[in-house]
Amino acid sequence: MKNSVLKGALGALAVVGVALVAKKMAERKRFIKGIFNEYGIKERSPFGLADKIREMNDEEYQELKGKFKKEFASKCCRKENTCEA
């Protein structure tokens, strides 16, 4: 009896974990799509993004870099704001 309850609890925990990972992936995908739309990048690939970066001036590049840094910084960096990259 104990073993089946433990398996059920672990199964439920695994489902929640998968759901959280899927949610985070969807958020990041939305962010990337937004970047492509905002900068008018038609080719939805890293190569399209790289081509657009080559066309940017320094100010535009720093703005884009800041957006990526803000989105993909780890949680510890967000709290303390000490991330240096």
N, C-alpha and C. Protein backbone atom coordinates (compact mmCIF):
# COMPACT_ATOMS: atom_id res chain seq x y z
N MET A 1 0.83 -1.20 0.00
CA MET A 1 0.00 0.00 0.00
C MET A 1 0.87 1.26 0.00
N LYS A 2 1.89 1.30 0.85
CA LYS A 2 2.75 2.48 0.92
C LYS A 2 3.45 2.73 -0.41
N ASN A 3 3.88 1.66 -1.04
CA ASN A 3 4.63 1.78 -2.28
C ASN A 3 3.78 2.40 -3.38
N SER A 4 2.51 2.00 -3.47
CA SER A 4 1.66 2.54 -4.53
C SER A 4 1.33 4.01 -4.27
N VAL A 5 1.20 4.40 -3.01
CA VAL A 5 0.95 5.81 -2.68
C VAL A 5 2.17 6.65 -3.04
N LEU A 6 3.34 6.12 -2.75
CA LEU A 6 4.59 6.81 -3.07
C LEU A 6 4.73 6.98 -4.58
N LYS A 7 4.42 5.92 -5.33
CA LYS A 7 4.50 6.01 -6.79
C LYS A 7 3.52 7.05 -7.33
N GLY A 8 2.33 7.09 -6.75
CA GLY A 8 1.33 8.07 -7.18
C GLY A 8 1.78 9.50 -6.90
N ALA A 9 2.38 9.71 -5.74
CA ALA A 9 2.86 11.04 -5.37
C ALA A 9 4.02 11.46 -6.27
N LEU A 10 4.93 10.54 -6.54
CA LEU A 10 6.05 10.85 -7.42
C LEU A 10 5.56 11.11 -8.85
N GLY A 11 4.56 10.36 -9.28
CA GLY A 11 3.99 10.57 -10.61
C GLY A 11 3.36 11.95 -10.72
N ALA A 12 2.61 12.34 -9.69
CA ALA A 12 1.97 13.66 -9.69
C ALA A 12 3.03 14.77 -9.69
N LEU A 13 4.09 14.57 -8.93
CA LEU A 13 5.18 15.54 -8.88
C LEU A 13 5.87 15.65 -10.24
N ALA A 14 6.03 14.53 -10.92
CA ALA A 14 6.65 14.54 -12.25
C ALA A 14 5.77 15.30 -13.24
N VAL A 15 4.46 15.11 -13.16
CA VAL A 15 3.55 15.81 -14.06
C VAL A 15 3.64 17.32 -13.83
N VAL A 16 3.69 17.73 -12.58
CA VAL A 16 3.80 19.15 -12.26
C VAL A 16 5.13 19.71 -12.79
N GLY A 17 6.20 18.95 -12.62
CA GLY A 17 7.51 19.38 -13.12
C GLY A 17 7.51 19.56 -14.63
N VAL A 18 6.94 18.61 -15.33
CA VAL A 18 6.86 18.71 -16.79
C VAL A 18 6.02 19.91 -17.20
N ALA A 19 4.94 20.16 -16.49
CA ALA A 19 4.09 21.31 -16.81
C ALA A 19 4.84 22.62 -16.61
N LEU A 20 5.63 22.72 -15.54
CA LEU A 20 6.40 23.94 -15.29
C LEU A 20 7.46 24.17 -16.36
N VAL A 21 8.11 23.10 -16.78
CA VAL A 21 9.12 23.21 -17.84
C VAL A 21 8.46 23.63 -19.15
N ALA A 22 7.32 23.03 -19.46
CA ALA A 22 6.61 23.39 -20.69
C ALA A 22 6.17 24.85 -20.67
N LYS A 23 5.74 25.34 -19.51
CA LYS A 23 5.32 26.73 -19.39
C LYS A 23 6.51 27.66 -19.63
N LYS A 24 7.65 27.34 -19.05
CA LYS A 24 8.85 28.17 -19.21
C LYS A 24 9.30 28.18 -20.67
N MET A 25 9.23 27.02 -21.32
CA MET A 25 9.61 26.95 -22.73
C MET A 25 8.67 27.79 -23.59
N ALA A 26 7.40 27.76 -23.29
CA ALA A 26 6.43 28.56 -24.06
C ALA A 26 6.68 30.05 -23.87
N GLU A 27 7.01 30.46 -22.64
CA GLU A 27 7.32 31.87 -22.38
C GLU A 27 8.53 32.33 -23.18
N ARG A 28 9.57 31.51 -23.20
CA ARG A 28 10.78 31.87 -23.94
C ARG A 28 10.54 31.89 -25.44
N LYS A 29 9.72 30.96 -25.92
CA LYS A 29 9.39 30.94 -27.34
C LYS A 29 8.63 32.21 -27.73
N ARG A 30 7.69 32.63 -26.86
CA ARG A 30 6.96 33.87 -27.11
C ARG A 30 7.90 35.07 -27.13
N PHE A 31 8.87 35.08 -26.23
CA PHE A 31 9.85 36.17 -26.18
C PHE A 31 10.63 36.24 -27.48
N ILE A 32 11.13 35.10 -27.94
CA ILE A 32 11.92 35.07 -29.17
C ILE A 32 11.07 35.49 -30.37
N LYS A 33 9.82 35.01 -30.44
CA LYS A 33 8.93 35.43 -31.53
C LYS A 33 8.72 36.94 -31.50
N GLY A 34 8.57 37.49 -30.29
CA GLY A 34 8.40 38.93 -30.15
C GLY A 34 9.60 39.71 -30.65
N ILE A 35 10.80 39.20 -30.36
CA ILE A 35 12.03 39.85 -30.85
C ILE A 35 12.05 39.82 -32.37
N PHE A 36 11.75 38.66 -32.96
CA PHE A 36 11.74 38.57 -34.42
C PHE A 36 10.73 39.54 -35.02
N ASN A 37 9.55 39.64 -34.43
CA ASN A 37 8.53 40.56 -34.95
C ASN A 37 8.93 42.01 -34.75
N GLU A 38 9.47 42.33 -33.59
CA GLU A 38 9.85 43.72 -33.28
C GLU A 38 10.91 44.25 -34.23
N TYR A 39 11.88 43.41 -34.58
CA TYR A 39 12.98 43.85 -35.43
C TYR A 39 12.77 43.49 -36.90
N GLY A 40 11.59 42.94 -37.23
CA GLY A 40 11.27 42.66 -38.63
C GLY A 40 12.13 41.57 -39.24
N ILE A 41 12.47 40.56 -38.48
CA ILE A 41 13.30 39.47 -38.97
C ILE A 41 12.37 38.41 -39.58
N LYS A 42 12.50 38.20 -40.88
CA LYS A 42 11.61 37.26 -41.58
C LYS A 42 12.08 35.82 -41.41
N GLU A 43 13.38 35.59 -41.47
CA GLU A 43 13.92 34.24 -41.33
C GLU A 43 13.96 33.87 -39.84
N ARG A 44 13.15 32.93 -39.45
CA ARG A 44 13.01 32.54 -38.03
C ARG A 44 14.08 31.52 -37.64
N SER A 45 15.31 31.96 -37.64
CA SER A 45 16.41 31.08 -37.28
C SER A 45 17.52 31.91 -36.65
N PRO A 46 18.47 31.26 -36.02
CA PRO A 46 19.61 32.00 -35.47
C PRO A 46 20.37 32.78 -36.55
N PHE A 47 20.36 32.26 -37.78
CA PHE A 47 21.05 32.94 -38.87
C PHE A 47 20.36 34.25 -39.24
N GLY A 48 19.04 34.25 -39.22
CA GLY A 48 18.29 35.48 -39.48
C GLY A 48 18.57 36.52 -38.43
N LEU A 49 18.63 36.09 -37.16
CA LEU A 49 18.95 36.99 -36.07
C LEU A 49 20.37 37.54 -36.21
N ALA A 50 21.30 36.67 -36.57
CA ALA A 50 22.70 37.10 -36.75
C ALA A 50 22.82 38.12 -37.88
N ASP A 51 22.09 37.89 -38.96
CA ASP A 51 22.12 38.86 -40.07
C ASP A 51 21.60 40.22 -39.63
N LYS A 52 20.54 40.22 -38.85
CA LYS A 52 19.97 41.48 -38.36
C LYS A 52 20.96 42.18 -37.42
N ILE A 53 21.63 41.42 -36.57
CA ILE A 53 22.60 42.01 -35.64
C ILE A 53 23.73 42.67 -36.41
N ARG A 54 24.17 42.05 -37.50
CA ARG A 54 25.24 42.64 -38.32
C ARG A 54 24.83 44.00 -38.91
N GLU A 55 23.52 44.16 -39.18
CA GLU A 55 23.02 45.41 -39.76
C GLU A 55 22.83 46.50 -38.71
N MET A 56 22.79 46.16 -37.43
CA MET A 56 22.48 47.12 -36.37
C MET A 56 23.68 48.01 -36.05
N ASN A 57 23.35 49.21 -35.55
CA ASN A 57 24.42 50.05 -35.01
C ASN A 57 24.63 49.65 -33.54
N ASP A 58 25.62 50.25 -32.90
CA ASP A 58 25.96 49.85 -31.53
C ASP A 58 24.82 50.07 -30.55
N GLU A 59 24.10 51.16 -30.69
CA GLU A 59 23.02 51.48 -29.76
C GLU A 59 21.89 50.44 -29.85
N GLU A 60 21.49 50.09 -31.07
CA GLU A 60 20.45 49.08 -31.26
C GLU A 60 20.90 47.72 -30.73
N TYR A 61 22.17 47.39 -30.98
CA TYR A 61 22.70 46.12 -30.51
C TYR A 61 22.69 46.04 -28.98
N GLN A 62 23.09 47.13 -28.32
CA GLN A 62 23.10 47.13 -26.86
C GLN A 62 21.68 46.98 -26.30
N GLU A 63 20.70 47.60 -26.97
CA GLU A 63 19.31 47.48 -26.55
C GLU A 63 18.84 46.02 -26.66
N LEU A 64 19.14 45.39 -27.78
CA LEU A 64 18.77 43.99 -28.00
C LEU A 64 19.47 43.08 -26.99
N LYS A 65 20.74 43.34 -26.78
CA LYS A 65 21.53 42.55 -25.84
C LYS A 65 20.94 42.66 -24.43
N GLY A 66 20.50 43.85 -24.04
CA GLY A 66 19.89 44.05 -22.74
C GLY A 66 18.59 43.27 -22.59
N LYS A 67 17.81 43.22 -23.66
CA LYS A 67 16.56 42.46 -23.63
C LYS A 67 16.83 40.97 -23.42
N PHE A 68 17.83 40.44 -24.14
CA PHE A 68 18.17 39.03 -23.97
C PHE A 68 18.72 38.76 -22.58
N LYS A 69 19.55 39.67 -22.09
CA LYS A 69 20.13 39.50 -20.77
C LYS A 69 19.05 39.49 -19.69
N LYS A 70 18.08 40.38 -19.84
CA LYS A 70 16.98 40.46 -18.88
C LYS A 70 16.14 39.19 -18.91
N GLU A 71 15.88 38.67 -20.09
CA GLU A 71 15.02 37.48 -20.22
C GLU A 71 15.72 36.21 -19.76
N PHE A 72 16.99 36.06 -20.09
CA PHE A 72 17.66 34.79 -19.86
C PHE A 72 18.61 34.78 -18.67
N ALA A 73 18.65 35.83 -17.88
CA ALA A 73 19.49 35.84 -16.68
C ALA A 73 18.90 34.86 -15.67
N SER A 74 19.76 34.26 -14.88
CA SER A 74 19.27 33.31 -13.88
C SER A 74 18.53 34.06 -12.78
N LYS A 75 17.72 33.33 -12.03
CA LYS A 75 16.91 33.95 -10.98
C LYS A 75 17.77 34.60 -9.91
N CYS A 76 18.90 34.03 -9.59
CA CYS A 76 19.75 34.63 -8.55
C CYS A 76 20.26 35.99 -9.01
N CYS A 77 20.54 36.12 -10.28
CA CYS A 77 21.00 37.40 -10.81
C CYS A 77 19.90 38.44 -10.79
N ARG A 78 18.66 38.01 -11.02
CA ARG A 78 17.55 38.95 -11.03
C ARG A 78 17.32 39.54 -9.65
N LYS A 79 17.49 38.73 -8.62
CA LYS A 79 17.23 39.21 -7.26
C LYS A 79 18.29 40.20 -6.81
N GLU A 80 19.54 39.83 -7.02
CA GLU A 80 20.65 40.65 -6.51
C GLU A 80 21.15 41.66 -7.54
N ASN A 81 20.79 41.47 -8.80
CA ASN A 81 21.24 42.34 -9.87
C ASN A 81 22.76 42.46 -9.91
N THR A 82 23.45 41.31 -9.79
CA THR A 82 24.91 41.31 -9.79
C THR A 82 25.47 40.56 -10.98
N CYS A 83 24.65 40.27 -11.95
CA CYS A 83 25.10 39.48 -13.11
C CYS A 83 26.02 40.32 -13.97
N GLU A 84 27.19 39.82 -14.26
CA GLU A 84 28.16 40.49 -15.11
C GLU A 84 28.48 39.56 -16.26
N ALA A 85 28.10 39.93 -17.47
CA ALA A 85 28.39 39.05 -18.61
C ALA A 85 28.90 39.82 -19.79
